[in-house]
Amino acid sequence: MKKKHSILIVEDDISLRNSIKNILKRREYEVSEANSVKTALLTLKKRVFDLILLDITLKDGSGMNVLKKISNDYKNRVIIISGTGTIDIAVEAIKMGAFAFLQKPAGRDVILETVKKNILLNQKLDDYQTLISELCDKSKFENIIFKSLQMKKIIQKAIKITDLDNTILISGETGTGKELLARAIHYTSKRKNDPLITINSASIPDTLAESELFGFEAGAFTDAISSFPGKFILAGNGTIFLDEISELSPLIQSKLLRVLESGEISPLKSAKTKKINARIITATNKNLETLVKKGLFRKDLYYRINQINIHIPPLRKRKTDIIPIAEHFLFISNITLSKRIERFDDEVKETLLQYSWPGNIRELKNVINELSLFVSGPEIKMKHLPYSILMQKKSFKKEEHLTTLKEIERNQIINVLKSTNFNIKKSAKILGISRPSIYKKIKEFDINKI
């Protein structure tokens, strides 16, 4: 049986309260009522509601006091309906976690549409939380959005190894989420209260790498006025995350190997060694086995860092993750930009699934962030997508299904027109035909500006 969503109406005008109640009941919502601040708070102590419609001016106080007390538990689940509110009050209510602010008299359609939007939004949030709780018992993995079987297995493996001291090698293309996984492992482990120190191996010059990683004593080199313990000591009992480890020079590879074998470091110009206890997680976007065969990466270091291997497949090989991740980024952008973009239309979803995503999750995030900036309506449509994605879109008949030269010609003209934003002069030049000819083709093929 379909669940009835529960709504509490807090309104002291009995006529208006009954009107709103009847509107909602006709749509099969379960409705409760309160006519004062006191009654509302007592009702909310007894049970939990999916949504609250709250008036500001009540006979025994302000609805804003109710909102303030329940804002943590009912974030994005309160709709203010008021006839006396100002813009300042509306802004304050939204900041306190209200979903929307409706001015009286609010029409039936406005109320129903706002309630529907709120219910759908919170359903998505609830579904997301349910999915994560089912697949990940440990809360820090909740930042990793996925639906694919591949990622489910990766998360399950990562959860099992969080408290092991073995070195971990995370491999995968750029933008697949290697650092995110490393952070989840650290912050779920017994080391979570100690530092996680992230080092981008490609960004440290060879001349500074040894001193940055293993420390130095005062006077070890020019400008070394005081000693520095190094990142491995600063990590304490925490985690060192060495990203892009393939970029370490042969010299630093050799020194890192000795550190991993001995569990000790020797700061520059120091006669003493220091014990380290940090767990080492490394990551690479290159095939280290290939680099080992080419003599570009130490074989013994490779085996030392590869005690546990986790490979994250690219986004194009786990397509079921694409839409959930896109929807997650859209949700975050809505909050950040104070927007109400609700969905991707079906053709956009299909296009996102077809696109190869060479930049993986990082590219997807950038695309959604950019779309959120410029889309003003409730839906992201094909016309909003960037050119790079549209060019891969198989929106017309697949090549193997094209049976005539006319179909091929029409599709090529449409692609060029889109790429130039229907600039006739530029399109004609690219196609190698005159402007009168392209106008003729547009008419012949019944091409409309998209």
Protein backbone atom coordinates (compact mmCIF):
# COMPACT_ATOMS: atom_id res chain seq x y z
CA MET A 1 0.00 0.00 0.00
CA LYS A 2 1.29 3.46 -0.91
CA LYS A 3 2.39 5.45 2.11
CA LYS A 4 0.33 8.50 3.02
CA HIS A 5 2.55 11.48 3.72
CA SER A 6 1.76 13.19 7.01
CA ILE A 7 1.38 16.96 7.17
CA LEU A 8 0.83 19.21 10.19
CA ILE A 9 -1.02 22.49 9.56
CA VAL A 10 -0.25 25.17 12.17
CA GLU A 11 -2.81 27.93 11.60
CA ASP A 12 -5.09 29.80 14.03
CA ASP A 13 -7.62 30.89 11.40
CA ILE A 14 -10.04 27.95 11.51
CA SER A 15 -11.60 28.77 8.13
CA LEU A 16 -8.23 28.89 6.37
CA ARG A 17 -7.01 25.81 8.26
CA ASN A 18 -10.05 23.81 7.15
CA SER A 19 -9.62 25.00 3.58
CA ILE A 20 -5.98 23.88 3.42
CA LYS A 21 -6.86 20.60 5.17
CA ASN A 22 -9.54 19.79 2.60
CA ILE A 23 -7.22 20.63 -0.29
CA LEU A 24 -4.57 18.24 1.05
CA LYS A 25 -6.95 15.45 2.02
CA ARG A 26 -8.34 15.35 -1.51
CA ARG A 27 -4.80 14.43 -2.61
CA GLU A 28 -4.74 11.70 0.05
CA TYR A 29 -2.31 13.39 2.43
CA GLU A 30 -2.71 12.54 6.12
CA VAL A 31 -3.42 15.86 7.84
CA SER A 32 -3.15 16.96 11.49
CA GLU A 33 -3.92 20.39 12.90
CA ALA A 34 -2.63 22.85 15.51
CA ASN A 35 -3.99 26.33 16.21
CA SER A 36 -1.20 27.75 18.41
CA VAL A 37 2.51 27.66 19.21
CA LYS A 38 1.84 25.59 22.33
CA THR A 39 -0.35 23.03 20.56
CA ALA A 40 2.12 22.75 17.67
CA LEU A 41 5.08 22.02 19.95
CA LEU A 42 3.08 19.49 21.98
CA THR A 43 1.96 17.75 18.78
CA LEU A 44 5.53 17.64 17.45
CA LYS A 45 6.71 16.01 20.69
CA LYS A 46 4.24 13.17 20.22
CA ARG A 47 4.93 12.29 16.59
CA VAL A 48 7.04 13.01 13.52
CA PHE A 49 5.59 14.54 10.35
CA ASP A 50 6.81 14.53 6.77
CA LEU A 51 5.99 18.22 6.34
CA ILE A 52 4.74 21.22 8.34
CA LEU A 53 2.69 24.15 6.99
CA LEU A 54 3.35 26.95 9.45
CA ASP A 55 1.71 30.34 9.92
CA ILE A 56 3.89 33.09 11.42
CA THR A 57 1.27 35.07 13.33
CA LEU A 58 -0.41 32.78 15.88
CA LYS A 59 -2.63 33.72 18.81
CA ASP A 60 -0.03 32.87 21.47
CA GLY A 61 3.18 33.84 19.68
CA SER A 62 5.21 33.70 16.50
CA GLY A 63 5.54 30.70 14.22
CA MET A 64 9.20 31.70 13.87
CA ASN A 65 9.70 30.47 17.44
CA VAL A 66 8.32 27.09 16.40
CA LEU A 67 10.62 27.05 13.36
CA LYS A 68 13.63 27.90 15.52
CA LYS A 69 12.96 25.01 17.90
CA ILE A 70 12.39 22.41 15.19
CA SER A 71 14.84 23.64 12.53
CA ASN A 72 17.39 20.87 13.17
CA ASP A 73 14.85 18.05 12.94
CA TYR A 74 12.75 19.56 10.15
CA LYS A 75 15.32 21.15 7.86
CA ASN A 76 13.74 21.64 4.40
CA ARG A 77 10.44 20.24 5.75
CA VAL A 78 8.65 23.46 6.73
CA ILE A 79 6.57 25.67 4.43
CA ILE A 80 5.74 29.09 5.83
CA ILE A 81 2.31 30.48 4.90
CA SER A 82 1.80 34.03 6.16
CA GLY A 83 -0.12 37.18 5.39
CA THR A 84 2.06 39.48 7.46
CA GLY A 85 5.58 38.43 6.62
CA THR A 86 8.17 40.78 5.15
CA ILE A 87 11.04 39.95 2.82
CA ASP A 88 13.41 40.03 5.79
CA ILE A 89 11.30 37.49 7.66
CA ALA A 90 11.11 35.28 4.57
CA VAL A 91 14.90 35.36 4.19
CA GLU A 92 15.35 34.59 7.88
CA ALA A 93 12.94 31.65 7.63
CA ILE A 94 14.80 30.16 4.66
CA LYS A 95 18.11 30.57 6.49
CA MET A 96 16.61 28.72 9.47
CA GLY A 97 15.76 25.77 7.23
CA ALA A 98 12.30 26.50 5.84
CA PHE A 99 11.70 25.04 2.39
CA ALA A 100 9.50 27.85 1.07
CA PHE A 101 7.66 31.04 2.06
CA LEU A 102 4.15 31.49 0.65
CA GLN A 103 2.23 34.75 0.93
CA LYS A 104 -1.45 34.64 1.88
CA PRO A 105 -3.76 34.14 0.20
CA ALA A 106 -1.97 31.16 -1.35
CA GLY A 107 -4.01 29.47 -4.05
CA ARG A 108 -4.83 25.77 -4.14
CA ASP A 109 -2.47 25.03 -7.05
CA VAL A 110 0.44 26.90 -5.41
CA ILE A 111 -0.01 25.02 -2.14
CA LEU A 112 -0.30 21.62 -3.83
CA GLU A 113 2.69 22.24 -6.13
CA THR A 114 4.90 23.43 -3.25
CA VAL A 115 3.91 20.47 -1.08
CA LYS A 116 4.56 18.06 -3.96
CA LYS A 117 8.01 19.53 -4.62
CA ASN A 118 8.92 19.26 -0.95
CA ILE A 119 7.73 15.66 -0.66
CA LEU A 120 9.68 14.63 -3.78
CA LEU A 121 12.86 16.35 -2.58
CA ASN A 122 12.75 14.69 0.81
CA GLN A 123 11.89 11.33 -0.71
CA LYS A 124 15.13 11.53 -2.69
CA LEU A 125 17.04 12.45 0.46
CA ASP A 126 15.45 9.60 2.40
CA ASP A 127 16.12 7.11 -0.42
CA TYR A 128 19.74 8.24 -0.52
CA GLN A 129 20.16 7.76 3.23
CA THR A 130 18.50 4.34 3.06
CA LEU A 131 20.79 3.21 0.23
CA ILE A 132 23.89 4.30 2.10
CA SER A 133 22.81 2.69 5.37
CA GLU A 134 22.11 -0.59 3.57
CA LEU A 135 25.43 -0.71 1.75
CA CYS A 136 27.75 1.04 4.19
CA ASP A 137 27.53 0.36 7.90
CA LYS A 138 30.20 2.95 8.60
CA SER A 139 29.10 6.55 8.28
CA LYS A 140 32.19 8.08 6.66
CA PHE A 141 31.56 6.16 3.45
CA GLU A 142 28.28 8.06 3.02
CA ASN A 143 30.14 10.69 0.98
CA ILE A 144 30.67 8.18 -1.82
CA ILE A 145 27.65 8.09 -4.13
CA PHE A 146 27.10 4.90 -6.08
CA LYS A 147 24.58 2.39 -7.34
CA SER A 148 26.76 0.01 -9.36
CA LEU A 149 27.73 -3.48 -8.22
CA GLN A 150 31.40 -2.62 -8.89
CA MET A 151 31.39 0.24 -6.40
CA LYS A 152 29.37 -1.74 -3.88
CA LYS A 153 32.13 -4.40 -3.85
CA ILE A 154 34.84 -1.74 -3.59
CA ILE A 155 33.14 -0.10 -0.60
CA GLN A 156 32.61 -3.45 1.08
CA LYS A 157 36.31 -4.27 0.63
CA ALA A 158 37.37 -0.85 1.89
CA ILE A 159 35.22 -1.21 5.02
CA LYS A 160 36.90 -4.53 5.83
CA ILE A 161 40.42 -3.08 5.68
CA THR A 162 39.91 0.23 7.49
CA ASP A 163 41.63 -0.96 10.68
CA LEU A 164 44.43 -2.95 9.05
CA ASP A 165 47.92 -1.46 9.09
CA ASN A 166 48.85 -2.73 5.61
CA THR A 167 49.81 -0.26 2.92
CA ILE A 168 47.04 0.37 0.39
CA LEU A 169 47.37 1.23 -3.30
CA ILE A 170 44.32 2.85 -4.89
CA SER A 171 44.47 2.95 -8.68
CA GLY A 172 42.18 4.51 -11.24
CA GLU A 173 41.92 7.23 -13.84
CA THR A 174 42.04 10.90 -12.89
CA GLY A 175 38.81 12.05 -11.29
CA THR A 176 37.47 8.63 -10.25
CA GLY A 177 37.47 9.47 -6.54
CA LYS A 178 40.70 7.93 -5.23
CA GLU A 179 41.28 10.63 -2.61
CA LEU A 180 37.63 10.47 -1.50
CA LEU A 181 38.01 6.73 -0.88
CA ALA A 182 41.29 7.27 1.00
CA ARG A 183 39.60 9.86 3.22
CA ALA A 184 36.70 7.48 3.92
CA ILE A 185 39.12 4.72 4.91
CA HIS A 186 41.02 7.03 7.27
CA TYR A 187 38.02 8.66 8.93
CA THR A 188 36.34 5.31 9.51
CA SER A 189 39.44 3.68 10.95
CA LYS A 190 40.90 3.54 14.46
CA ARG A 191 43.26 6.31 13.28
CA LYS A 192 40.44 8.80 12.63
CA ASN A 193 41.36 11.02 15.58
CA ASP A 194 44.89 11.46 14.24
CA PRO A 195 45.85 13.51 11.17
CA LEU A 196 45.30 12.58 7.56
CA ILE A 197 48.10 14.24 5.62
CA THR A 198 47.64 14.39 1.85
CA ILE A 199 50.69 14.82 -0.37
CA ASN A 200 50.55 15.32 -4.12
CA SER A 201 53.77 13.68 -5.24
CA ALA A 202 53.74 15.52 -8.57
CA SER A 203 53.67 18.93 -6.92
CA ILE A 204 56.81 18.53 -4.77
CA PRO A 205 60.10 19.44 -6.52
CA ASP A 206 62.80 16.78 -6.18
CA THR A 207 64.97 19.23 -4.27
CA LEU A 208 62.32 19.66 -1.58
CA ALA A 209 60.69 16.21 -1.52
CA GLU A 210 63.05 14.59 0.98
CA SER A 211 62.92 17.47 3.47
CA GLU A 212 59.12 17.82 3.11
CA LEU A 213 58.49 14.13 3.69
CA PHE A 214 61.15 13.19 6.20
CA GLY A 215 62.10 16.50 7.81
CA PHE A 216 65.37 18.35 8.41
CA GLU A 217 67.48 19.85 11.16
CA ALA A 218 68.33 23.54 11.48
CA GLY A 219 71.17 24.45 9.12
CA ALA A 220 70.54 21.50 6.82
CA PHE A 221 70.40 23.94 3.89
CA THR A 222 70.17 27.66 3.21
CA ASP A 223 67.12 29.21 4.90
CA ALA A 224 66.74 26.22 7.25
CA ILE A 225 66.70 28.45 10.33
CA SER A 226 64.83 25.91 12.46
CA SER A 227 64.18 22.19 12.24
CA PHE A 228 61.09 20.65 10.62
CA PRO A 229 59.82 17.18 11.60
CA GLY A 230 58.49 16.22 8.14
CA LYS A 231 55.08 15.02 7.02
CA PHE A 232 55.60 11.43 8.18
CA ILE A 233 56.23 12.54 11.77
CA LEU A 234 53.44 15.14 11.66
CA ALA A 235 50.99 12.39 10.72
CA GLY A 236 51.66 10.71 14.07
CA ASN A 237 49.45 7.63 14.34
CA GLY A 238 47.29 8.86 11.47
CA THR A 239 47.51 8.33 7.73
CA ILE A 240 49.84 9.54 4.99
CA PHE A 241 48.10 9.70 1.61
CA LEU A 242 50.62 9.86 -1.24
CA ASP A 243 48.72 10.78 -4.38
CA GLU A 244 50.24 10.35 -7.87
CA ILE A 245 53.03 8.22 -6.39
CA SER A 246 54.28 7.35 -9.88
CA GLU A 247 55.67 10.89 -10.11
CA LEU A 248 58.23 10.42 -7.31
CA SER A 249 61.81 10.61 -8.52
CA PRO A 250 64.05 7.49 -8.33
CA LEU A 251 65.92 9.04 -5.38
CA ILE A 252 62.77 9.63 -3.32
CA GLN A 253 61.44 6.20 -4.32
CA SER A 254 64.57 4.68 -2.83
CA LYS A 255 64.28 6.68 0.41
CA LEU A 256 60.58 5.92 0.72
CA LEU A 257 61.30 2.21 0.33
CA ARG A 258 63.80 2.32 3.21
CA VAL A 259 61.26 4.14 5.39
CA LEU A 260 58.58 1.55 4.67
CA GLU A 261 60.99 -1.33 5.33
CA SER A 262 62.46 0.03 8.55
CA GLY A 263 59.57 2.08 9.94
CA GLU A 264 62.05 4.87 10.60
CA ILE A 265 63.05 8.17 9.02
CA SER A 266 66.31 10.08 9.07
CA PRO A 267 65.79 13.86 8.83
CA LEU A 268 68.35 15.76 6.75
CA LYS A 269 71.54 16.50 8.72
CA SER A 270 70.35 14.45 11.68
CA ALA A 271 72.36 11.59 13.16
CA LYS A 272 69.26 10.18 14.84
CA THR A 273 66.44 8.15 13.37
CA LYS A 274 62.80 8.56 14.34
CA LYS A 275 60.12 5.91 14.47
CA ILE A 276 57.00 6.43 12.40
CA ASN A 277 53.60 4.84 12.94
CA ALA A 278 51.47 6.36 10.20
CA ARG A 279 49.55 4.06 7.87
CA ILE A 280 50.46 4.64 4.19
CA ILE A 281 47.84 4.90 1.46
CA THR A 282 49.05 5.63 -2.06
CA ALA A 283 47.23 6.38 -5.30
CA THR A 284 48.08 6.42 -8.97
CA ASN A 285 46.36 7.15 -12.26
CA LYS A 286 49.05 5.22 -14.15
CA ASN A 287 49.73 1.50 -14.56
CA LEU A 288 52.58 0.91 -12.12
CA GLU A 289 53.25 -2.60 -13.45
CA THR A 290 53.95 -1.12 -16.87
CA LEU A 291 56.22 1.53 -15.33
CA VAL A 292 58.08 -1.20 -13.41
CA LYS A 293 58.69 -3.12 -16.66
CA LYS A 294 60.00 0.06 -18.27
CA GLY A 295 62.32 0.72 -15.33
CA LEU A 296 60.50 3.92 -14.38
CA PHE A 297 59.26 2.69 -10.99
CA ARG A 298 61.03 0.50 -8.46
CA LYS A 299 59.76 -3.06 -8.43
CA ASP A 300 60.49 -3.56 -4.73
CA LEU A 301 58.66 -0.32 -3.83
CA TYR A 302 55.71 -1.38 -5.96
CA TYR A 303 55.31 -4.62 -4.00
CA ARG A 304 55.78 -2.77 -0.71
CA ILE A 305 52.96 -0.25 -1.36
CA ASN A 306 50.69 -2.79 -3.04
CA GLN A 307 49.90 -5.00 -0.04
CA ILE A 308 46.22 -4.22 -0.59
CA ASN A 309 45.05 -3.04 -4.00
CA ILE A 310 41.82 -1.25 -4.78
CA HIS A 311 41.07 -0.32 -8.39
CA ILE A 312 38.29 2.19 -9.07
CA PRO A 313 36.87 1.73 -12.58
CA PRO A 314 36.18 4.80 -14.74
CA LEU A 315 32.68 6.26 -14.79
CA ARG A 316 32.03 5.03 -18.35
CA LYS A 317 32.35 1.43 -17.07
CA ARG A 318 29.85 1.90 -14.23
CA LYS A 319 27.08 3.79 -15.95
CA THR A 320 24.50 3.09 -13.25
CA ASP A 321 26.44 5.50 -11.01
CA ILE A 322 26.20 8.45 -13.41
CA ILE A 323 22.64 9.65 -12.73
CA PRO A 324 22.77 9.21 -8.91
CA ILE A 325 26.05 11.16 -8.80
CA ALA A 326 24.67 13.85 -11.13
CA GLU A 327 21.56 14.19 -8.95
CA HIS A 328 23.75 14.45 -5.85
CA PHE A 329 25.80 17.27 -7.38
CA LEU A 330 22.59 18.98 -8.51
CA PHE A 331 21.24 18.79 -4.96
CA ILE A 332 24.45 20.33 -3.57
CA SER A 333 24.39 23.08 -6.21
CA ASN A 334 20.76 23.88 -5.39
CA ILE A 335 21.71 24.44 -1.77
CA THR A 336 24.85 26.42 -2.61
CA LEU A 337 23.15 28.63 -5.20
CA SER A 338 19.71 28.76 -3.52
CA LYS A 339 18.05 27.28 -6.61
CA ARG A 340 15.16 24.88 -7.18
CA ILE A 341 16.31 22.84 -10.18
CA GLU A 342 14.38 19.64 -9.67
CA ARG A 343 15.36 17.22 -12.39
CA PHE A 344 17.03 16.26 -15.65
CA ASP A 345 14.63 15.51 -18.47
CA ASP A 346 14.72 11.95 -19.87
CA GLU A 347 16.73 12.83 -22.98
CA VAL A 348 19.35 14.60 -20.87
CA LYS A 349 19.66 11.51 -18.65
CA GLU A 350 20.15 9.32 -21.71
CA THR A 351 22.77 11.73 -23.05
CA LEU A 352 24.67 11.75 -19.74
CA LEU A 353 24.69 7.96 -19.83
CA GLN A 354 26.01 7.87 -23.41
CA TYR A 355 28.80 10.38 -22.81
CA SER A 356 32.24 8.85 -22.17
CA TRP A 357 33.24 11.14 -19.26
CA PRO A 358 37.01 11.24 -19.86
CA GLY A 359 37.39 13.37 -16.72
CA ASN A 360 35.20 10.98 -14.72
CA ILE A 361 33.43 12.22 -11.56
CA ARG A 362 35.43 15.44 -11.50
CA GLU A 363 34.21 16.32 -15.00
CA LEU A 364 30.63 15.38 -14.12
CA LYS A 365 30.78 17.62 -11.06
CA ASN A 366 32.07 20.54 -13.11
CA VAL A 367 29.34 20.07 -15.74
CA ILE A 368 26.54 19.99 -13.15
CA ASN A 369 27.96 23.00 -11.31
CA GLU A 370 28.09 24.99 -14.56
CA LEU A 371 24.57 23.95 -15.56
CA SER A 372 23.27 24.98 -12.14
CA LEU A 373 24.67 28.47 -12.60
CA PHE A 374 22.81 29.17 -15.82
CA VAL A 375 19.62 27.08 -15.73
CA SER A 376 16.75 29.13 -14.33
CA GLY A 377 13.80 26.75 -14.66
CA PRO A 378 12.95 23.57 -12.74
CA GLU A 379 14.37 21.20 -15.38
CA ILE A 380 17.69 20.73 -17.15
CA LYS A 381 17.04 20.17 -20.86
CA MET A 382 19.12 19.26 -23.90
CA LYS A 383 19.59 22.89 -24.88
CA HIS A 384 21.45 23.49 -21.61
CA LEU A 385 24.09 20.80 -22.13
CA PRO A 386 27.64 21.84 -23.13
CA TYR A 387 28.83 21.39 -26.69
CA SER A 388 31.34 18.64 -25.82
CA ILE A 389 28.54 16.40 -24.55
CA LEU A 390 26.13 17.21 -27.35
CA MET A 391 28.73 16.17 -29.91
CA GLN A 392 28.73 12.64 -28.49
CA LYS A 393 24.97 12.51 -28.26
CA LYS A 394 23.43 9.88 -30.48
CA SER A 395 20.15 11.77 -30.55
CA PHE A 396 19.48 10.91 -34.14
CA LYS A 397 19.54 7.55 -35.82
CA LYS A 398 22.64 5.50 -35.15
CA GLU A 399 25.06 5.35 -38.04
CA GLU A 400 24.38 1.70 -38.73
CA HIS A 401 20.70 2.50 -39.14
CA LEU A 402 21.19 5.30 -41.68
CA THR A 403 19.93 4.02 -44.98
CA THR A 404 20.14 7.08 -47.22
CA LEU A 405 22.63 9.83 -48.02
CA LYS A 406 19.90 12.38 -47.26
CA GLU A 407 19.70 11.24 -43.63
CA ILE A 408 23.47 11.49 -43.27
CA GLU A 409 23.45 14.95 -44.88
CA ARG A 410 20.63 16.22 -42.65
CA ASN A 411 22.34 15.03 -39.45
CA GLN A 412 25.66 16.60 -40.47
CA ILE A 413 23.98 19.96 -41.18
CA ILE A 414 22.19 19.84 -37.81
CA ASN A 415 25.45 19.03 -35.96
CA VAL A 416 27.30 21.91 -37.59
CA LEU A 417 24.43 24.35 -36.97
CA LYS A 418 24.37 23.36 -33.31
CA SER A 419 28.12 23.73 -32.98
CA THR A 420 27.95 27.32 -34.28
CA ASN A 421 24.77 28.18 -32.37
CA PHE A 422 22.98 28.42 -35.75
CA ASN A 423 25.40 30.96 -37.17
CA ILE A 424 24.57 30.56 -40.88
CA LYS A 425 27.76 32.18 -42.18
CA LYS A 426 30.05 30.01 -40.05
CA SER A 427 28.02 26.86 -40.73
CA ALA A 428 28.14 27.41 -44.48
CA LYS A 429 31.91 27.87 -44.35
CA ILE A 430 32.40 24.66 -42.34
CA LEU A 431 30.13 22.69 -44.67
CA GLY A 432 31.76 24.19 -47.76
CA ILE A 433 28.52 25.48 -49.27
CA SER A 434 27.03 28.94 -49.88
CA ARG A 435 24.61 30.69 -47.52
CA PRO A 436 21.71 30.41 -50.01
CA SER A 437 22.44 26.68 -50.23
CA ILE A 438 22.34 26.18 -46.48
CA TYR A 439 19.04 28.10 -46.23
CA LYS A 440 17.70 25.81 -48.92
CA LYS A 441 18.86 22.71 -47.03
CA ILE A 442 17.33 23.98 -43.76
CA LYS A 443 14.01 24.38 -45.51
CA GLU A 444 14.31 21.09 -47.39
CA PHE A 445 15.12 19.09 -44.25
CA ASP A 446 12.67 21.04 -42.03
CA ILE A 447 15.39 21.92 -39.52
CA ASN A 448 14.21 24.05 -36.62
CA LYS A 449 16.49 26.02 -34.30
CA ILE A 450 16.91 24.16 -31.04
